Protein backbone atom coordinates (compact mmCIF):
# COMPACT_ATOMS: atom_id res chain seq x y z
CA MET A 1 152.85 105.12 128.29
CA THR A 2 150.90 101.87 128.12
CA ASP A 3 152.65 98.98 129.86
CA LEU A 4 152.27 95.64 128.05
CA SER A 5 155.02 93.86 129.99
CA ALA A 6 152.46 91.56 131.62
CA PHE A 7 152.07 89.84 128.24
CA ALA A 8 154.94 87.40 127.70
CA ILE A 9 154.60 87.69 123.93
CA THR A 10 156.05 91.21 124.11
CA GLN A 11 159.36 89.74 125.27
CA LYS A 12 159.80 88.01 121.92
CA TRP A 13 158.11 90.74 119.88
CA PRO A 14 158.77 94.03 121.75
CA ALA A 15 156.20 96.76 121.24
CA GLN A 16 157.74 99.89 119.80
CA HIS A 17 154.36 101.60 120.08
CA PRO A 18 152.63 100.00 123.09
CA ASP A 19 149.72 102.42 122.85
CA ARG A 20 148.73 100.84 119.52
CA LEU A 21 146.98 97.56 118.88
CA GLN A 22 149.59 94.79 118.58
CA LEU A 23 149.04 92.36 115.70
CA TYR A 24 150.89 89.02 115.60
CA SER A 25 150.37 87.52 112.20
CA LEU A 26 151.57 86.35 108.80
CA PRO A 27 150.14 87.30 105.38
CA THR A 28 148.03 84.15 104.99
CA PRO A 29 144.28 84.20 104.21
CA ASN A 30 143.44 84.19 107.92
CA GLY A 31 146.18 86.62 108.85
CA VAL A 32 145.33 89.28 106.31
CA LYS A 33 141.72 89.44 107.44
CA VAL A 34 142.87 91.54 110.38
CA SER A 35 145.47 93.62 108.56
CA ILE A 36 142.94 94.46 105.82
CA PHE A 37 140.38 95.46 108.43
CA LEU A 38 142.91 97.68 110.17
CA GLU A 39 143.99 99.27 106.90
CA GLU A 40 140.36 99.88 105.92
CA THR A 41 139.48 101.56 109.21
CA GLY A 42 142.70 103.40 110.03
CA LEU A 43 142.88 102.05 113.57
CA PRO A 44 146.53 102.49 114.70
CA TYR A 45 148.36 99.18 115.03
CA GLU A 46 151.80 97.64 115.12
CA PRO A 47 152.31 94.42 113.12
CA HIS A 48 154.67 91.64 114.17
CA LEU A 49 155.66 88.83 111.81
CA VAL A 50 155.13 85.32 113.17
CA ARG A 51 157.43 83.14 111.08
CA PHE A 52 156.27 79.60 110.46
CA ASP A 53 159.62 78.66 108.91
CA SER A 54 161.21 79.10 112.34
CA ASN A 55 158.19 77.77 114.26
CA ASP A 56 157.47 81.07 115.96
CA GLN A 57 153.88 79.93 116.42
CA LEU A 58 155.09 77.11 118.69
CA SER A 59 157.24 79.32 120.90
CA PRO A 60 156.24 79.73 124.57
CA ALA A 61 155.87 83.46 123.94
CA PHE A 62 153.28 82.99 121.19
CA LEU A 63 151.49 80.18 123.01
CA SER A 64 151.07 82.51 125.97
CA LEU A 65 148.75 84.55 123.76
CA ASN A 66 147.22 81.80 121.65
CA PRO A 67 147.43 78.26 123.07
CA ASN A 68 146.06 77.00 119.74
CA ASN A 69 149.30 78.15 118.02
CA LYS A 70 147.51 79.80 115.08
CA ILE A 71 147.69 83.30 113.63
CA PRO A 72 146.43 85.95 113.85
CA ALA A 73 146.31 87.11 117.44
CA ILE A 74 146.18 90.58 118.96
CA VAL A 75 146.71 92.52 122.13
CA ASP A 76 144.61 95.66 122.26
CA PRO A 77 146.07 98.00 124.89
CA ASN A 78 142.79 99.92 124.88
CA GLY A 79 140.35 97.10 125.42
CA PRO A 80 137.01 97.11 127.23
CA GLY A 81 137.09 99.19 130.38
CA GLY A 82 140.42 100.66 129.33
CA ARG A 83 142.24 97.40 130.10
CA PRO A 84 144.45 95.50 127.61
CA LEU A 85 142.64 92.69 125.82
CA PRO A 86 144.39 89.63 124.33
CA LEU A 87 142.40 87.86 121.62
CA PHE A 88 142.86 85.08 119.07
CA GLU A 89 140.74 83.53 116.27
CA SER A 90 140.37 85.71 113.20
CA GLY A 91 136.57 85.71 113.24
CA ALA A 92 136.44 86.77 116.88
CA ILE A 93 139.01 89.49 116.20
CA LEU A 94 137.01 90.85 113.26
CA LEU A 95 133.84 90.99 115.34
CA TYR A 96 135.64 92.67 118.22
CA LEU A 97 137.30 95.28 116.04
CA ALA A 98 134.11 95.98 114.09
CA GLU A 99 132.24 96.62 117.33
CA LYS A 100 135.13 98.63 118.77
CA THR A 101 135.35 100.95 115.75
CA GLY A 102 131.69 100.93 114.71
CA GLN A 103 132.82 100.11 111.18
CA LEU A 104 132.26 97.31 108.64
CA LEU A 105 129.45 95.72 110.67
CA PRO A 106 125.96 97.12 110.01
CA GLN A 107 124.15 98.76 112.90
CA ASP A 108 120.77 97.48 111.71
CA PRO A 109 120.18 94.27 113.74
CA ALA A 110 118.96 92.20 110.80
CA LEU A 111 121.89 93.20 108.58
CA ARG A 112 124.29 92.73 111.50
CA TYR A 113 123.24 89.12 111.93
CA GLU A 114 123.26 88.55 108.19
CA THR A 115 126.89 89.70 108.20
CA ILE A 116 127.72 87.39 111.10
CA GLN A 117 125.95 84.57 109.27
CA TRP A 118 128.25 84.92 106.26
CA LEU A 119 131.27 85.34 108.51
CA MET A 120 130.42 81.96 110.05
CA PHE A 121 129.97 80.54 106.52
CA GLN A 122 133.57 81.49 105.83
CA MET A 123 134.88 80.26 109.16
CA GLY A 124 133.10 76.91 109.03
CA GLY A 125 133.17 76.23 105.30
CA ILE A 126 135.33 78.27 102.96
CA GLY A 127 138.40 78.40 105.19
CA PRO A 128 138.66 74.75 106.25
CA MET A 129 137.63 73.33 102.88
CA PHE A 130 139.86 75.55 100.76
CA GLY A 131 142.75 74.89 103.13
CA GLN A 132 142.37 71.13 102.76
CA LEU A 133 142.12 71.46 99.00
CA GLY A 134 145.33 73.48 99.03
CA PHE A 135 147.08 70.71 100.95
CA PHE A 136 146.02 68.01 98.52
CA HIS A 137 146.66 70.10 95.40
CA LYS A 138 149.77 72.15 96.14
CA PHE A 139 151.54 70.59 99.09
CA ALA A 140 152.31 67.06 100.32
CA GLY A 141 148.91 65.69 99.42
CA LYS A 142 149.64 66.03 95.70
CA ASP A 143 151.85 62.94 95.94
CA TYR A 144 149.01 60.72 97.16
CA GLU A 145 148.12 58.16 94.52
CA ASP A 146 144.57 58.00 95.83
CA LYS A 147 142.93 61.17 94.54
CA ARG A 148 139.64 60.66 96.37
CA PRO A 149 140.57 62.99 99.26
CA ARG A 150 141.51 65.76 96.83
CA ASP A 151 138.37 65.21 94.77
CA ARG A 152 136.22 65.38 97.90
CA TYR A 153 137.54 68.85 98.67
CA VAL A 154 137.28 69.93 95.03
CA ALA A 155 133.59 69.01 95.05
CA GLU A 156 133.00 70.80 98.35
CA ALA A 157 134.92 73.88 97.20
CA ARG A 158 132.76 74.04 94.08
CA ARG A 159 129.61 73.67 96.16
CA LEU A 160 130.63 76.53 98.47
CA LEU A 161 131.57 78.74 95.52
CA ALA A 162 128.19 78.00 93.93
CA VAL A 163 126.38 78.99 97.13
CA LEU A 164 128.23 82.30 97.21
CA ASP A 165 127.88 82.84 93.46
CA ARG A 166 124.10 82.53 93.60
CA HIS A 167 123.95 84.83 96.60
CA LEU A 168 126.07 87.55 94.97
CA ALA A 169 123.84 87.86 91.91
CA GLY A 170 122.48 91.39 91.91
CA ARG A 171 124.55 92.40 94.94
CA ASP A 172 127.60 94.63 95.22
CA TRP A 173 128.97 92.74 98.22
CA ILE A 174 128.00 89.76 100.33
CA VAL A 175 125.64 91.88 102.43
CA GLY A 176 123.97 93.82 99.64
CA ASP A 177 125.48 97.24 99.02
CA GLN A 178 127.49 97.27 102.27
CA TYR A 179 131.13 96.22 102.35
CA THR A 180 131.60 94.32 105.62
CA ILE A 181 133.74 91.92 107.61
CA ALA A 182 131.99 89.11 105.70
CA ASP A 183 133.82 90.23 102.55
CA ILE A 184 137.10 90.76 104.40
CA ALA A 185 136.85 87.21 105.78
CA SER A 186 135.88 85.46 102.54
CA PHE A 187 137.71 86.98 99.62
CA PRO A 188 141.30 86.49 100.85
CA TRP A 189 140.55 82.76 100.92
CA ILE A 190 139.05 82.84 97.43
CA ASN A 191 142.02 84.82 96.18
CA ASN A 192 144.36 82.27 97.77
CA LEU A 193 142.49 79.38 96.18
CA VAL A 194 143.05 80.62 92.64
CA GLY A 195 146.36 82.39 93.30
CA PHE A 196 148.70 80.79 95.81
CA TYR A 197 147.10 77.34 95.65
CA GLY A 198 146.79 77.51 91.87
CA ALA A 199 143.51 75.58 92.01
CA GLY A 200 141.38 77.85 89.83
CA GLU A 201 141.26 75.46 86.90
CA LEU A 202 140.81 72.46 89.20
CA VAL A 203 137.61 73.91 90.70
CA GLY A 204 136.43 75.50 87.45
CA PHE A 205 136.61 78.99 88.90
CA ASP A 206 135.55 80.60 85.62
CA ASP A 207 132.10 79.11 86.18
CA PHE A 208 131.52 81.42 89.13
CA THR A 209 131.19 84.76 87.38
CA GLU A 210 129.61 86.61 90.30
CA VAL A 211 132.35 85.53 92.70
CA LYS A 212 134.97 86.57 90.14
CA ARG A 213 133.31 89.96 89.71
CA VAL A 214 133.29 90.77 93.42
CA LEU A 215 136.78 89.32 93.98
CA GLU A 216 138.15 91.71 91.35
CA LYS A 217 136.43 94.63 93.05
CA PHE A 218 137.76 93.51 96.43
CA LEU A 219 141.34 93.25 95.17
CA ALA A 220 141.11 96.72 93.63
CA ARG A 221 140.64 98.36 97.03
CA PRO A 222 143.84 100.17 98.14
CA ALA A 223 143.45 99.03 101.75
CA VAL A 224 143.16 95.42 100.58
CA GLN A 225 146.29 95.75 98.47
CA ARG A 226 148.19 97.06 101.48
CA GLY A 227 146.72 94.57 103.93
CA LEU A 228 147.57 91.55 101.79
CA LYS A 229 151.27 92.31 102.39
CA ILE A 230 151.14 92.87 106.15
CA PRO A 231 153.10 91.83 108.13
CA GLN A 232 155.78 92.07 105.51
CA ARG A 233 157.65 88.85 104.88
CA PRO A 234 161.46 89.03 105.02
CA ALA A 235 163.23 89.44 101.69
CA ALA A 236 164.47 86.19 100.19
CA ALA A 237 168.15 85.57 100.81
């Protein structure tokens, strides 16, 4: 049996199946990128819920895996050379898992780099900008009398959506007819923007018909529906 005892995180979140990939996460837009990928590909894994309400992400056990105290993070017991591999940052994890499985990342070099290009677009633009907009619209920022910070992120969110909307015209997915990690990275954030953050009207989401079309197709995928709920949150008391 695989021994993961060298990883301190397994003391707080014991591995019941140490031969499987260990996922430490929460069903947020970044977290579900990995669970959706794993559900799409069928790679065996064991999810562990990292609870922000109890500051699990700040615990010494979690910081031993990700010093940046963000989810998701993984330990792959079957990493390169047969050695366990710890990894954090959702984009890096998606690239690693796509290369490991040979799935959801095109083999053609040009299409491969096009996919990575749009993955970086999500990592550097959609994620940070939509997250800031969510803060100023749904959370503490909504109480600020000065609405210029919120409006800055509204304008940038609309710009990013427009870029993607123009690109998606005539395409099934971000990279043409191939469903890839670029879609898995981007559409959970778009879904969160109009769903959890409730900012659809604020950004005029109905204007972006191509993005809406592909988002609906993304959300209809059974693996996406499963992955959006993993790791399962505890039932409300």
